[in-house]
Amino acid sequence: MMDEEKLISVKEYADIQGVSQQAVYQQLKRKSNKKLLDGHVIQKNGKKYLDSIAVQHLTNQRKSTPSIVIEDATKAELEALKQELEIVKAERDSLKTALMDELKSHNEDIKQLSERILLLTTTEENPDKEKKGFWAKLFK
């Protein structure tokens, strides 16, 4: 009989591997695994336990499974996209700052031009002359 300290439940193995219990049970049911795992998967009180040989075999098999390779590639791509997103956010913030500075500059230009227009229009009206009504102009 095996030493019980070396046994690990299917649930614990699934948690360690980051997969569902169903995925582990499917792996255990495969014909290619039945002969290799015979005597290394123990059922006790309605639960299945794996010894170190079963754990090693299932882990090695998972490493070579295409879906795991794709998942690893997807994780790497996700990390690359996260880094790219951070770069884009930094560029966006830089452009936002530059745009705000440009907007302030344009607002100052508009204010100066408005003041100049006001000055020119009041000078044209010649404020030194008294404003007279129609009848006052007629009867000087």
Protein backbone atom coordinates (compact mmCIF):
# COMPACT_ATOMS: atom_id res chain seq x y z
CA MET A 1 0.00 0.00 0.00
CA MET A 2 1.14 3.55 -0.78
CA ASP A 3 2.07 6.14 1.79
CA GLU A 4 -1.01 8.39 2.20
CA GLU A 5 1.14 11.50 2.64
CA LYS A 6 2.12 11.30 -1.04
CA LEU A 7 -1.49 11.26 -2.24
CA ILE A 8 -3.16 14.34 -3.62
CA SER A 9 -6.86 14.69 -4.43
CA VAL A 10 -8.05 15.41 -7.97
CA LYS A 11 -9.42 18.76 -6.74
CA GLU A 12 -6.05 19.76 -5.25
CA TYR A 13 -4.25 18.71 -8.43
CA ALA A 14 -6.72 20.68 -10.58
CA ASP A 15 -6.25 23.77 -8.41
CA ILE A 16 -2.45 23.50 -8.63
CA GLN A 17 -2.57 23.09 -12.43
CA GLY A 18 -5.14 25.86 -12.87
CA VAL A 19 -7.64 23.61 -14.63
CA SER A 20 -11.08 22.30 -13.80
CA GLN A 21 -11.66 19.00 -12.04
CA GLN A 22 -13.57 17.85 -15.13
CA ALA A 23 -10.46 18.36 -17.24
CA VAL A 24 -8.45 16.15 -14.88
CA TYR A 25 -11.15 13.45 -14.86
CA GLN A 26 -11.20 13.50 -18.68
CA GLN A 27 -7.45 13.13 -18.68
CA LEU A 28 -7.74 10.16 -16.30
CA LYS A 29 -10.36 8.47 -18.54
CA ARG A 30 -8.26 8.56 -21.71
CA LYS A 31 -7.31 5.11 -22.96
CA SER A 32 -3.70 6.14 -23.31
CA ASN A 33 -3.57 6.95 -19.61
CA LYS A 34 -5.51 4.00 -18.16
CA LYS A 35 -2.63 1.50 -18.34
CA LEU A 36 0.01 3.97 -17.15
CA LEU A 37 -2.11 5.18 -14.25
CA ASP A 38 -3.33 1.75 -13.16
CA GLY A 39 -2.52 1.44 -9.46
CA HIS A 40 -1.58 5.10 -9.15
CA VAL A 41 -5.12 6.50 -8.89
CA ILE A 42 -6.80 5.45 -5.65
CA GLN A 43 -10.46 5.87 -4.84
CA LYS A 44 -11.17 6.47 -1.18
CA ASN A 45 -14.47 7.57 0.41
CA GLY A 46 -15.86 8.50 -3.01
CA LYS A 47 -12.85 10.67 -3.91
CA LYS A 48 -10.01 9.94 -6.28
CA TYR A 49 -6.45 10.52 -5.16
CA LEU A 50 -3.28 10.61 -7.24
CA ASP A 51 0.13 9.40 -6.14
CA SER A 52 3.36 11.13 -7.20
CA ILE A 53 3.74 8.96 -10.32
CA ALA A 54 0.22 9.81 -11.49
CA VAL A 55 0.83 13.50 -10.79
CA GLN A 56 4.10 13.45 -12.72
CA HIS A 57 2.57 11.61 -15.70
CA LEU A 58 -0.49 13.88 -15.89
CA THR A 59 1.65 17.01 -15.55
CA ASN A 60 4.04 15.89 -18.28
CA GLN A 61 1.12 15.07 -20.52
CA ARG A 62 -0.48 18.48 -19.88
CA LYS A 63 2.75 20.25 -20.84
CA SER A 64 2.72 18.62 -24.26
CA THR A 65 -0.98 19.19 -24.92
CA PRO A 66 -1.56 21.71 -27.76
CA SER A 67 -4.28 23.55 -25.85
CA ILE A 68 -1.82 24.33 -23.07
CA VAL A 69 0.74 25.58 -25.58
CA ILE A 70 -1.92 27.81 -27.15
CA GLU A 71 -2.94 29.04 -23.70
CA ASP A 72 0.68 29.92 -22.92
CA ALA A 73 0.99 31.73 -26.26
CA THR A 74 -2.26 33.57 -25.54
CA LYS A 75 -0.96 34.62 -22.12
CA ALA A 76 2.26 35.93 -23.69
CA GLU A 77 0.25 37.81 -26.32
CA LEU A 78 -1.99 39.24 -23.59
CA GLU A 79 1.05 40.49 -21.67
CA ALA A 80 2.44 42.07 -24.84
CA LEU A 81 -0.90 43.78 -25.47
CA LYS A 82 -1.00 45.06 -21.88
CA GLN A 83 2.45 46.59 -22.32
CA GLU A 84 1.41 48.12 -25.63
CA LEU A 85 -1.71 49.55 -23.97
CA GLU A 86 0.42 51.22 -21.30
CA ILE A 87 2.57 52.81 -24.01
CA VAL A 88 -0.52 54.04 -25.87
CA LYS A 89 -1.95 55.48 -22.62
CA ALA A 90 1.30 57.35 -21.98
CA GLU A 91 1.26 58.74 -25.54
CA ARG A 92 -2.38 59.76 -25.12
CA ASP A 93 -1.60 61.61 -21.89
CA SER A 94 1.33 63.36 -23.56
CA LEU A 95 -0.84 64.42 -26.50
CA LYS A 96 -3.59 65.57 -24.15
CA THR A 97 -1.11 67.79 -22.28
CA ALA A 98 0.24 69.22 -25.54
CA LEU A 99 -3.29 69.87 -26.78
CA MET A 100 -4.27 71.64 -23.57
CA ASP A 101 -1.15 73.84 -23.81
CA GLU A 102 -2.00 74.66 -27.44
CA LEU A 103 -5.59 75.47 -26.46
CA LYS A 104 -4.40 77.85 -23.72
CA SER A 105 -2.13 79.57 -26.23
CA HIS A 106 -4.99 79.97 -28.72
CA ASN A 107 -7.29 81.31 -26.02
CA GLU A 108 -4.68 83.94 -25.11
CA ASP A 109 -4.34 84.88 -28.79
CA ILE A 110 -8.12 85.24 -29.11
CA LYS A 111 -8.26 87.41 -26.00
CA GLN A 112 -5.50 89.69 -27.33
CA LEU A 113 -7.19 89.96 -30.74
CA SER A 114 -10.54 90.74 -29.12
CA GLU A 115 -8.96 93.54 -27.09
CA ARG A 116 -7.27 94.90 -30.21
CA ILE A 117 -10.54 94.83 -32.17
CA LEU A 118 -12.28 96.66 -29.33
CA LEU A 119 -9.52 99.27 -29.26
CA LEU A 120 -9.68 99.76 -33.04
CA THR A 121 -13.45 100.08 -33.15
CA THR A 122 -13.55 102.65 -30.34
CA THR A 123 -10.80 104.69 -32.00
CA GLU A 124 -12.74 104.78 -35.29
CA GLU A 125 -15.79 106.23 -33.60
CA ASN A 126 -13.62 109.10 -32.37
CA PRO A 127 -14.71 109.29 -28.77
CA ASP A 128 -13.28 112.85 -28.43
CA LYS A 129 -16.19 114.31 -30.35
CA GLU A 130 -19.41 114.81 -28.55
CA LYS A 131 -22.20 112.63 -29.62
CA LYS A 132 -25.06 114.76 -30.87
CA GLY A 133 -28.51 113.77 -31.82
CA PHE A 134 -30.04 114.29 -35.28
CA TRP A 135 -31.66 117.69 -34.50
CA ALA A 136 -28.54 119.00 -32.79
CA LYS A 137 -26.52 118.26 -35.90
CA LEU A 138 -29.04 120.09 -38.08
CA PHE A 139 -29.10 123.25 -35.95
CA LYS A 140 -25.51 123.75 -35.03
